[in-house]
């Protein structure tokens, strides 16, 4: 992978930077798809977002591609999101800790 005007071989740095830049922009609360809780800075879905559901799918695909390409990103979703992705049962305690589903 190369950025425009950049020479060199990707040994993970350029690839990681690409995913960091695109997800940082997409997940920022300024964009409107996600919000953060002030007390713990965890990302949560913005319930008042006017974005199409397809854009949320795009965010999920980008995160999936980063995992597929062995790029670890510093993305902070509540534990309930990860449990849902792993198809693990959601206990009342987990739901209460995260403020809902």
PDB file of N, CA and C in Angstrom:
ATOM      1  N   UNK A   1       0.853  -1.172   0.000  1.00  0.00           N
ATOM      2  CA  UNK A   1       0.000   0.000   0.000  1.00  0.00           C
ATOM      3  C   UNK A   1       0.894   1.227   0.000  1.00  0.00           C
ATOM      4  N   UNK A   2       0.548   2.241  -0.793  1.00  0.00           N
ATOM      5  CA  UNK A   2       1.296   3.488  -0.829  1.00  0.00           C
ATOM      6  C   UNK A   2       0.334   4.655  -0.745  1.00  0.00           C
ATOM      7  N   UNK A   3       0.753   5.685   0.007  1.00  0.00           N
ATOM      8  CA  UNK A   3       0.036   6.939  -0.034  1.00  0.00           C
ATOM      9  C   UNK A   3       0.543   7.717  -1.230  1.00  0.00           C
ATOM     10  N   UNK A   4      -0.254   8.623  -1.714  1.00  0.00           N
ATOM     11  CA  UNK A   4       0.113   9.407  -2.875  1.00  0.00           C
ATOM     12  C   UNK A   4       1.426  10.154  -2.623  1.00  0.00           C
ATOM     13  N   UNK A   5       2.375   9.965  -3.535  1.00  0.00           N
ATOM     14  CA  UNK A   5       3.647  10.663  -3.441  1.00  0.00           C
ATOM     15  C   UNK A   5       4.606  10.073  -2.424  1.00  0.00           C
ATOM     16  N   UNK A   6       4.293   8.923  -1.870  1.00  0.00           N
ATOM     17  CA  UNK A   6       5.146   8.328  -0.844  1.00  0.00           C
ATOM     18  C   UNK A   6       5.828   7.093  -1.406  1.00  0.00           C
ATOM     19  N   UNK A   7       7.136   7.038  -1.247  1.00  0.00           N
ATOM     20  CA  UNK A   7       7.912   5.894  -1.711  1.00  0.00           C
ATOM     21  C   UNK A   7       8.149   4.959  -0.541  1.00  0.00           C
ATOM     22  N   UNK A   8       8.367   3.700  -0.828  1.00  0.00           N
ATOM     23  CA  UNK A   8       8.739   2.783   0.241  1.00  0.00           C
ATOM     24  C   UNK A   8       7.911   1.512   0.228  1.00  0.00           C
ATOM     25  N   UNK A   9       8.379   0.566   1.004  1.00  0.00           N
ATOM     26  CA  UNK A   9       7.734  -0.732   1.130  1.00  0.00           C
ATOM     27  C   UNK A   9       6.933  -0.741   2.430  1.00  0.00           C
ATOM     28  N   UNK A  10       5.720  -1.254   2.352  1.00  0.00           N
ATOM     29  CA  UNK A  10       4.876  -1.316   3.545  1.00  0.00           C
ATOM     30  C   UNK A  10       5.286  -2.515   4.391  1.00  0.00           C
ATOM     31  N   UNK A  11       5.798  -2.250   5.560  1.00  0.00           N
ATOM     32  CA  UNK A  11       6.123  -3.308   6.506  1.00  0.00           C
ATOM     33  C   UNK A  11       5.173  -3.242   7.697  1.00  0.00           C
ATOM     34  N   UNK A  12       3.976  -2.745   7.454  1.00  0.00           N
ATOM     35  CA  UNK A  12       2.978  -2.648   8.499  1.00  0.00           C
ATOM     36  C   UNK A  12       2.705  -1.230   8.935  1.00  0.00           C
ATOM     37  N   UNK A  13       3.660  -0.338   8.786  1.00  0.00           N
ATOM     38  CA  UNK A  13       3.505   1.033   9.249  1.00  0.00           C
ATOM     39  C   UNK A  13       2.521   1.838   8.420  1.00  0.00           C
ATOM     40  N   UNK A  14       2.660   1.761   7.103  1.00  0.00           N
ATOM     41  CA  UNK A  14       1.768   2.510   6.214  1.00  0.00           C
ATOM     42  C   UNK A  14       0.353   1.952   6.288  1.00  0.00           C
ATOM     43  N   UNK A  15       0.253   0.634   6.328  1.00  0.00           N
ATOM     44  CA  UNK A  15      -1.055  -0.019   6.422  1.00  0.00           C
ATOM     45  C   UNK A  15      -1.753   0.381   7.722  1.00  0.00           C
ATOM     46  N   UNK A  16      -1.006   0.356   8.830  1.00  0.00           N
ATOM     47  CA  UNK A  16      -1.584   0.720  10.124  1.00  0.00           C
ATOM     48  C   UNK A  16      -1.990   2.195  10.118  1.00  0.00           C
ATOM     49  N   UNK A  17      -1.154   3.045   9.551  1.00  0.00           N
ATOM     50  CA  UNK A  17      -1.477   4.466   9.496  1.00  0.00           C
ATOM     51  C   UNK A  17      -2.740   4.710   8.679  1.00  0.00           C
ATOM     52  N   UNK A  18      -2.892   3.987   7.569  1.00  0.00           N
ATOM     53  CA  UNK A  18      -4.091   4.113   6.744  1.00  0.00           C
ATOM     54  C   UNK A  18      -5.336   3.811   7.568  1.00  0.00           C
ATOM     55  N   UNK A  19      -5.340   2.666   8.254  1.00  0.00           N
ATOM     56  CA  UNK A  19      -6.508   2.288   9.045  1.00  0.00           C
ATOM     57  C   UNK A  19      -6.730   3.244  10.216  1.00  0.00           C
ATOM     58  N   UNK A  20      -5.653   3.713  10.837  1.00  0.00           N
ATOM     59  CA  UNK A  20      -5.800   4.666  11.940  1.00  0.00           C
ATOM     60  C   UNK A  20      -6.430   5.964  11.471  1.00  0.00           C
ATOM     61  N   UNK A  21      -5.970   6.482  10.349  1.00  0.00           N
ATOM     62  CA  UNK A  21      -6.489   7.754   9.849  1.00  0.00           C
ATOM     63  C   UNK A  21      -7.956   7.651   9.448  1.00  0.00           C
ATOM     64  N   UNK A  22      -8.308   6.587   8.732  1.00  0.00           N
ATOM     65  CA  UNK A  22      -9.680   6.476   8.244  1.00  0.00           C
ATOM     66  C   UNK A  22     -10.652   6.182   9.384  1.00  0.00           C
ATOM     67  N   UNK A  23     -10.263   5.337  10.347  1.00  0.00           N
ATOM     68  CA  UNK A  23     -11.179   5.052  11.453  1.00  0.00           C
ATOM     69  C   UNK A  23     -11.258   6.215  12.430  1.00  0.00           C
ATOM     70  N   UNK A  24     -10.160   6.929  12.621  1.00  0.00           N
ATOM     71  CA  UNK A  24     -10.206   8.102  13.504  1.00  0.00           C
ATOM     72  C   UNK A  24     -11.202   9.116  12.965  1.00  0.00           C
ATOM     73  N   UNK A  25     -11.199   9.330  11.662  1.00  0.00           N
ATOM     74  CA  UNK A  25     -12.129  10.279  11.052  1.00  0.00           C
ATOM     75  C   UNK A  25     -13.567   9.768  11.117  1.00  0.00           C
ATOM     76  N   UNK A  26     -13.746   8.497  10.835  1.00  0.00           N
ATOM     77  CA  UNK A  26     -15.089   7.917  10.801  1.00  0.00           C
ATOM     78  C   UNK A  26     -15.716   7.817  12.188  1.00  0.00           C
ATOM     79  N   UNK A  27     -14.914   7.519  13.201  1.00  0.00           N
ATOM     80  CA  UNK A  27     -15.439   7.298  14.540  1.00  0.00           C
ATOM     81  C   UNK A  27     -15.477   8.552  15.404  1.00  0.00           C
ATOM     82  N   UNK A  28     -14.986   9.660  14.898  1.00  0.00           N
ATOM     83  CA  UNK A  28     -14.984  10.885  15.694  1.00  0.00           C
ATOM     84  C   UNK A  28     -16.419  11.341  15.979  1.00  0.00           C
ATOM     85  N   UNK A  29     -16.682  11.796  17.207  1.00  0.00           N
ATOM     86  CA  UNK A  29     -18.025  12.283  17.530  1.00  0.00           C
ATOM     87  C   UNK A  29     -18.445  13.478  16.670  1.00  0.00           C
ATOM     88  N   UNK A  30     -17.480  14.218  16.132  1.00  0.00           N
ATOM     89  CA  UNK A  30     -17.793  15.358  15.261  1.00  0.00           C
ATOM     90  C   UNK A  30     -18.494  14.908  13.974  1.00  0.00           C
ATOM     91  N   UNK A  31     -18.215  13.685  13.532  1.00  0.00           N
ATOM     92  CA  UNK A  31     -18.839  13.153  12.320  1.00  0.00           C
ATOM     93  C   UNK A  31     -20.303  12.816  12.563  1.00  0.00           C
ATOM     94  N   UNK A  32     -20.647  12.446  13.790  1.00  0.00           N
ATOM     95  CA  UNK A  32     -22.041  12.263  14.151  1.00  0.00           C
ATOM     96  C   UNK A  32     -22.567  10.843  14.222  1.00  0.00           C
ATOM     97  N   UNK A  33     -21.765   9.861  13.837  1.00  0.00           N
ATOM     98  CA  UNK A  33     -22.240   8.483  13.896  1.00  0.00           C
ATOM     99  C   UNK A  33     -22.100   7.884  15.292  1.00  0.00           C
ATOM    100  N   UNK A  34     -21.113   8.368  16.044  1.00  0.00           N
ATOM    101  CA  UNK A  34     -20.838   7.828  17.368  1.00  0.00           C
ATOM    102  C   UNK A  34     -20.723   8.970  18.367  1.00  0.00           C
ATOM    103  N   UNK A  35     -20.972   8.655  19.618  1.00  0.00           N
ATOM    104  CA  UNK A  35     -20.793   9.617  20.704  1.00  0.00           C
ATOM    105  C   UNK A  35     -19.845   8.991  21.725  1.00  0.00           C
ATOM    106  N   UNK A  36     -19.367   9.798  22.629  1.00  0.00           N
ATOM    107  CA  UNK A  36     -18.538   9.278  23.709  1.00  0.00           C
ATOM    108  C   UNK A  36     -19.135   9.682  25.038  1.00  0.00           C
ATOM    109  N   UNK A  37     -18.990   8.796  25.998  1.00  0.00           N
ATOM    110  CA  UNK A  37     -19.403   9.122  27.352  1.00  0.00           C
ATOM    111  C   UNK A  37     -18.272   9.919  27.983  1.00  0.00           C
ATOM    112  N   UNK A  38     -18.607  11.030  28.622  1.00  0.00           N
ATOM    113  CA  UNK A  38     -17.597  11.921  29.181  1.00  0.00           C
ATOM    114  C   UNK A  38     -16.761  11.258  30.265  1.00  0.00           C
ATOM    115  N   UNK A  39     -17.377  10.351  31.026  1.00  0.00           N
ATOM    116  CA  UNK A  39     -16.660   9.773  32.156  1.00  0.00           C
ATOM    117  C   UNK A  39     -15.644   8.704  31.771  1.00  0.00           C
ATOM    118  N   UNK A  40     -15.859   7.955  30.680  1.00  0.00           N
ATOM    119  CA  UNK A  40     -14.921   6.886  30.344  1.00  0.00           C
ATOM    120  C   UNK A  40     -14.442   6.891  28.892  1.00  0.00           C
ATOM    121  N   UNK A  41     -14.876   7.827  28.099  1.00  0.00           N
ATOM    122  CA  UNK A  41     -14.457   7.990  26.698  1.00  0.00           C
ATOM    123  C   UNK A  41     -14.679   6.736  25.849  1.00  0.00           C
ATOM    124  N   UNK A  42     -15.759   6.021  26.114  1.00  0.00           N
ATOM    125  CA  UNK A  42     -16.134   4.846  25.347  1.00  0.00           C
ATOM    126  C   UNK A  42     -17.053   5.284  24.218  1.00  0.00           C
ATOM    127  N   UNK A  43     -16.827   4.736  23.014  1.00  0.00           N
ATOM    128  CA  UNK A  43     -17.678   5.054  21.873  1.00  0.00           C
ATOM    129  C   UNK A  43     -19.020   4.350  21.994  1.00  0.00           C
ATOM    130  N   UNK A  44     -20.059   5.052  21.604  1.00  0.00           N
ATOM    131  CA  UNK A  44     -21.387   4.462  21.587  1.00  0.00           C
ATOM    132  C   UNK A  44     -22.101   4.963  20.346  1.00  0.00           C
ATOM    133  N   UNK A  45     -23.038   4.194  19.842  1.00  0.00           N
ATOM    134  CA  UNK A  45     -23.772   4.584  18.643  1.00  0.00           C
ATOM    135  C   UNK A  45     -24.636   5.810  18.938  1.00  0.00           C
ATOM    136  N   UNK A  46     -24.589   6.799  18.067  1.00  0.00           N
ATOM    137  CA  UNK A  46     -25.381   8.013  18.229  1.00  0.00           C
ATOM    138  C   UNK A  46     -26.811   7.720  17.794  1.00  0.00           C
ATOM    139  N   UNK A  47     -27.716   7.713  18.742  1.00  0.00           N
ATOM    140  CA  UNK A  47     -29.107   7.367  18.453  1.00  0.00           C
ATOM    141  C   UNK A  47     -29.820   8.448  17.648  1.00  0.00           C
ATOM    142  N   UNK A  48     -29.264   9.654  17.593  1.00  0.00           N
ATOM    143  CA  UNK A  48     -29.887  10.739  16.831  1.00  0.00           C
ATOM    144  C   UNK A  48     -29.188  10.968  15.501  1.00  0.00           C
ATOM    145  N   UNK A  49     -28.311  10.060  15.107  1.00  0.00           N
ATOM    146  CA  UNK A  49     -27.575  10.197  13.851  1.00  0.00           C
ATOM    147  C   UNK A  49     -28.523  10.106  12.662  1.00  0.00           C
ATOM    148  N   UNK A  50     -28.272  10.935  11.666  1.00  0.00           N
ATOM    149  CA  UNK A  50     -29.083  10.890  10.444  1.00  0.00           C
ATOM    150  C   UNK A  50     -28.382  10.090   9.342  1.00  0.00           C
ATOM    151  N   UNK A  51     -27.272   9.436   9.706  1.00  0.00           N
ATOM    152  CA  UNK A  51     -26.529   8.635   8.738  1.00  0.00           C
ATOM    153  C   UNK A  51     -27.321   7.391   8.354  1.00  0.00           C
ATOM    154  N   UNK A  52     -27.147   6.964   7.137  1.00  0.00           N
ATOM    155  CA  UNK A  52     -27.804   5.754   6.648  1.00  0.00           C
ATOM    156  C   UNK A  52     -27.196   4.525   7.322  1.00  0.00           C
ATOM    157  N   UNK A  53     -27.986   3.485   7.534  1.00  0.00           N
ATOM    158  CA  UNK A  53     -27.452   2.254   8.134  1.00  0.00           C
ATOM    159  C   UNK A  53     -26.252   1.690   7.362  1.00  0.00           C
ATOM    160  N   UNK A  54     -26.206   1.945   6.077  1.00  0.00           N
ATOM    161  CA  UNK A  54     -25.087   1.472   5.256  1.00  0.00           C
ATOM    162  C   UNK A  54     -23.754   2.051   5.738  1.00  0.00           C
ATOM    163  N   UNK A  55     -23.764   3.277   6.257  1.00  0.00           N
ATOM    164  CA  UNK A  55     -22.530   3.880   6.765  1.00  0.00           C
ATOM    165  C   UNK A  55     -22.029   3.171   8.018  1.00  0.00           C
ATOM    166  N   UNK A  56     -22.957   2.675   8.844  1.00  0.00           N
ATOM    167  CA  UNK A  56     -22.549   1.901  10.009  1.00  0.00           C
ATOM    168  C   UNK A  56     -21.969   0.558   9.571  1.00  0.00           C
ATOM    169  N   UNK A  57     -22.527  -0.004   8.499  1.00  0.00           N
ATOM    170  CA  UNK A  57     -21.968  -1.239   7.947  1.00  0.00           C
ATOM    171  C   UNK A  57     -20.562  -0.995   7.427  1.00  0.00           C
ATOM    172  N   UNK A  58     -20.357   0.159   6.792  1.00  0.00           N
ATOM    173  CA  UNK A  58     -19.036   0.525   6.296  1.00  0.00           C
ATOM    174  C   UNK A  58     -18.032   0.599   7.450  1.00  0.00           C
ATOM    175  N   UNK A  59     -18.432   1.211   8.560  1.00  0.00           N
ATOM    176  CA  UNK A  59     -17.556   1.295   9.731  1.00  0.00           C
ATOM    177  C   UNK A  59     -17.197  -0.109  10.216  1.00  0.00           C
ATOM    178  N   UNK A  60     -18.172  -0.996  10.264  1.00  0.00           N
ATOM    179  CA  UNK A  60     -17.921  -2.371  10.681  1.00  0.00           C
ATOM    180  C   UNK A  60     -16.998  -3.108   9.720  1.00  0.00           C
ATOM    181  N   UNK A  61     -17.186  -2.877   8.420  1.00  0.00           N
ATOM    182  CA  UNK A  61     -16.325  -3.517   7.430  1.00  0.00           C
ATOM    183  C   UNK A  61     -14.884  -3.032   7.548  1.00  0.00           C
ATOM    184  N   UNK A  62     -14.709  -1.727   7.782  1.00  0.00           N
ATOM    185  CA  UNK A  62     -13.354  -1.197   7.945  1.00  0.00           C
ATOM    186  C   UNK A  62     -12.669  -1.780   9.174  1.00  0.00           C
ATOM    187  N   UNK A  63     -13.414  -1.900  10.269  1.00  0.00           N
ATOM    188  CA  UNK A  63     -12.837  -2.504  11.468  1.00  0.00           C
ATOM    189  C   UNK A  63     -12.516  -3.980  11.222  1.00  0.00           C
ATOM    190  N   UNK A  64     -13.399  -4.670  10.507  1.00  0.00           N
ATOM    191  CA  UNK A  64     -13.142  -6.069  10.162  1.00  0.00           C
ATOM    192  C   UNK A  64     -11.928  -6.218   9.263  1.00  0.00           C
ATOM    193  N   UNK A  65     -11.772  -5.324   8.297  1.00  0.00           N
ATOM    194  CA  UNK A  65     -10.605  -5.362   7.418  1.00  0.00           C
ATOM    195  C   UNK A  65      -9.314  -5.112   8.189  1.00  0.00           C
ATOM    196  N   UNK A  66      -9.382  -4.227   9.164  1.00  0.00           N
ATOM    197  CA  UNK A  66      -8.174  -3.972   9.951  1.00  0.00           C
ATOM    198  C   UNK A  66      -7.781  -5.224  10.750  1.00  0.00           C
ATOM    199  N   UNK A  67      -8.772  -5.924  11.295  1.00  0.00           N
ATOM    200  CA  UNK A  67      -8.484  -7.165  12.021  1.00  0.00           C
ATOM    201  C   UNK A  67      -7.938  -8.218  11.062  1.00  0.00           C
ATOM    202  N   UNK A  68      -8.547  -8.338   9.891  1.00  0.00           N
ATOM    203  CA  UNK A  68      -8.106  -9.303   8.885  1.00  0.00           C
ATOM    204  C   UNK A  68      -6.659  -9.039   8.469  1.00  0.00           C
ATOM    205  N   UNK A  69      -6.278  -7.763   8.400  1.00  0.00           N
ATOM    206  CA  UNK A  69      -4.924  -7.375   8.009  1.00  0.00           C
ATOM    207  C   UNK A  69      -3.970  -7.284   9.200  1.00  0.00           C
ATOM    208  N   UNK A  70      -4.383  -7.814  10.348  1.00  0.00           N
ATOM    209  CA  UNK A  70      -3.560  -7.855  11.564  1.00  0.00           C
ATOM    210  C   UNK A  70      -3.134  -6.465  12.022  1.00  0.00           C
ATOM    211  N   UNK A  71      -4.050  -5.502  11.895  1.00  0.00           N
ATOM    212  CA  UNK A  71      -3.799  -4.143  12.368  1.00  0.00           C
ATOM    213  C   UNK A  71      -4.673  -3.916  13.590  1.00  0.00           C
ATOM    214  N   UNK A  72      -4.046  -3.748  14.729  1.00  0.00           N
ATOM    215  CA  UNK A  72      -4.781  -3.498  15.967  1.00  0.00           C
ATOM    216  C   UNK A  72      -5.012  -2.006  16.121  1.00  0.00           C
ATOM    217  N   UNK A  73      -6.266  -1.634  16.256  1.00  0.00           N
ATOM    218  CA  UNK A  73      -6.631  -0.230  16.414  1.00  0.00           C
ATOM    219  C   UNK A  73      -7.101   0.023  17.835  1.00  0.00           C
ATOM    220  N   UNK A  74      -6.889   1.228  18.297  1.00  0.00           N
ATOM    221  CA  UNK A  74      -7.324   1.620  19.637  1.00  0.00           C
ATOM    222  C   UNK A  74      -8.758   2.138  19.553  1.00  0.00           C
ATOM    223  N   UNK A  75      -9.709   1.204  19.476  1.00  0.00           N
ATOM    224  CA  UNK A  75     -11.123   1.535  19.380  1.00  0.00           C
ATOM    225  C   UNK A  75     -11.787   1.081  20.669  1.00  0.00           C
ATOM    226  N   UNK A  76     -12.463   1.989  21.325  1.00  0.00           N
ATOM    227  CA  UNK A  76     -13.044   1.685  22.632  1.00  0.00           C
ATOM    228  C   UNK A  76     -14.562   1.642  22.556  1.00  0.00           C
ATOM    229  N   UNK A  77     -15.095   0.439  22.339  1.00  0.00           N
ATOM    230  CA  UNK A  77     -16.529   0.218  22.414  1.00  0.00           C
ATOM    231  C   UNK A  77     -16.829  -0.428  23.770  1.00  0.00           C
ATOM    232  N   UNK A  78     -18.056  -0.301  24.261  1.00  0.00           N
ATOM    233  CA  UNK A  78     -18.410  -0.966  25.515  1.00  0.00           C
ATOM    234  C   UNK A  78     -18.362  -2.486  25.365  1.00  0.00           C
ATOM    235  N   UNK A  79     -18.169  -3.179  26.471  1.00  0.00           N
ATOM    236  CA  UNK A  79     -18.063  -4.634  26.470  1.00  0.00           C
ATOM    237  C   UNK A  79     -19.299  -5.297  25.859  1.00  0.00           C
ATOM    238  N   UNK A  80     -20.456  -4.659  25.979  1.00  0.00           N
ATOM    239  CA  UNK A  80     -21.683  -5.246  25.437  1.00  0.00           C
ATOM    240  C   UNK A  80     -21.603  -5.377  23.909  1.00  0.00           C
ATOM    241  N   UNK A  81     -20.907  -4.482  23.239  1.00  0.00           N
ATOM    242  CA  UNK A  81     -20.755  -4.569  21.781  1.00  0.00           C
ATOM    243  C   UNK A  81     -19.930  -5.805  21.421  1.00  0.00           C
ATOM    244  N   UNK A  82     -18.836  -6.025  22.134  1.00  0.00           N
ATOM    245  CA  UNK A  82     -17.997  -7.189  21.856  1.00  0.00           C
ATOM    246  C   UNK A  82     -18.721  -8.497  22.184  1.00  0.00           C
ATOM    247  N   UNK A  83     -19.490  -8.513  23.255  1.00  0.00           N
ATOM    248  CA  UNK A  83     -20.261  -9.711  23.597  1.00  0.00           C
ATOM    249  C   UNK A  83     -21.302  -9.997  22.514  1.00  0.00           C
ATOM    250  N   UNK A  84     -21.909  -8.961  21.983  1.00  0.00           N
ATOM    251  CA  UNK A  84     -22.904  -9.127  20.918  1.00  0.00           C
ATOM    252  C   UNK A  84     -22.234  -9.680  19.649  1.00  0.00           C
ATOM    253  N   UNK A  85     -21.055  -9.167  19.325  1.00  0.00           N
ATOM    254  CA  UNK A  85     -20.327  -9.650  18.149  1.00  0.00           C
ATOM    255  C   UNK A  85     -19.913 -11.115  18.291  1.00  0.00           C
ATOM    256  N   UNK A  86     -19.589 -11.523  19.513  1.00  0.00           N
ATOM    257  CA  UNK A  86     -19.188 -12.905  19.766  1.00  0.00           C
ATOM    258  C   UNK A  86     -20.373 -13.823  20.021  1.00  0.00           C
ATOM    259  N   UNK A  87     -21.580 -13.256  19.944  1.00  0.00           N
ATOM    260  CA  UNK A  87     -22.809 -14.000  20.172  1.00  0.00           C
ATOM    261  C   UNK A  87     -22.843 -14.631  21.562  1.00  0.00           C
ATOM    262  N   UNK A  88     -22.291 -13.902  22.533  1.00  0.00           N
ATOM    263  CA  UNK A  88     -22.327 -14.343  23.921  1.00  0.00           C
ATOM    264  C   UNK A  88     -23.594 -13.800  24.573  1.00  0.00           C
ATOM    265  N   UNK A  89     -24.100 -14.505  25.583  1.00  0.00           N
ATOM    266  CA  UNK A  89     -25.319 -14.025  26.248  1.00  0.00           C
ATOM    267  C   UNK A  89     -25.053 -12.703  26.978  1.00  0.00           C
ATOM    268  N   UNK A  90     -26.044 -11.835  26.927  1.00  0.00           N
ATOM    269  CA  UNK A  90     -25.946 -10.541  27.599  1.00  0.00           C
ATOM    270  C   UNK A  90     -26.660 -10.646  28.943  1.00  0.00           C
ATOM    271  N   UNK A  91     -25.922 -10.474  30.007  1.00  0.00           N
ATOM    272  CA  UNK A  91     -26.516 -10.509  31.331  1.00  0.00           C
ATOM    273  C   UNK A  91     -27.014  -9.117  31.694  1.00  0.00           C
ATOM    274  N   UNK A  92     -27.905  -9.057  32.628  1.00  0.00           N
ATOM    275  CA  UNK A  92     -28.436  -7.773  33.077  1.00  0.00           C
ATOM    276  C   UNK A  92     -27.321  -6.895  33.630  1.00  0.00           C
ATOM    277  N   UNK A  93     -26.362  -7.499  34.303  1.00  0.00           N
ATOM    278  CA  UNK A  93     -25.236  -6.742  34.868  1.00  0.00           C
ATOM    279  C   UNK A  93     -24.422  -6.057  33.759  1.00  0.00           C
ATOM    280  N   UNK A  94     -24.133  -6.762  32.679  1.00  0.00           N
ATOM    281  CA  UNK A  94     -23.378  -6.191  31.568  1.00  0.00           C
ATOM    282  C   UNK A  94     -24.157  -5.059  30.925  1.00  0.00           C
ATOM    283  N   UNK A  95     -25.446  -5.257  30.728  1.00  0.00           N
ATOM    284  CA  UNK A  95     -26.287  -4.228  30.101  1.00  0.00           C
ATOM    285  C   UNK A  95     -26.363  -2.983  30.978  1.00  0.00           C
ATOM    286  N   UNK A  96     -26.506  -3.169  32.277  1.00  0.00           N
ATOM    287  CA  UNK A  96     -26.584  -2.023  33.188  1.00  0.00           C
ATOM    288  C   UNK A  96     -25.261  -1.260  33.232  1.00  0.00           C
ATOM    289  N   UNK A  97     -24.142  -1.959  33.153  1.00  0.00           N
ATOM    290  CA  UNK A  97     -22.832  -1.312  33.193  1.00  0.00           C
ATOM    291  C   UNK A  97     -22.593  -0.424  31.976  1.00  0.00           C
ATOM    292  N   UNK A  98     -23.193  -0.786  30.844  1.00  0.00           N
ATOM    293  CA  UNK A  98     -22.944  -0.036  29.615  1.00  0.00           C
ATOM    294  C   UNK A  98     -24.060   0.922  29.262  1.00  0.00           C
ATOM    295  N   UNK A  99     -25.102   0.946  29.999  1.00  0.00           N
ATOM    296  CA  UNK A  99     -26.177   1.901  29.721  1.00  0.00           C
ATOM    297  C   UNK A  99     -27.173   1.436  28.681  1.00  0.00           C
ATOM    298  N   UNK A 100     -27.236   0.164  28.411  1.00  0.00           N
ATOM    299  CA  UNK A 100     -28.232  -0.354  27.474  1.00  0.00           C
ATOM    300  C   UNK A 100     -27.601  -1.059  26.309  1.00  0.00           C
ATOM    301  N   UNK A 101     -28.438  -1.515  25.409  1.00  0.00           N
ATOM    302  CA  UNK A 101     -27.965  -2.236  24.218  1.00  0.00           C
ATOM    303  C   UNK A 101     -27.897  -1.274  23.062  1.00  0.00           C
TER     304      UNK A 101
END
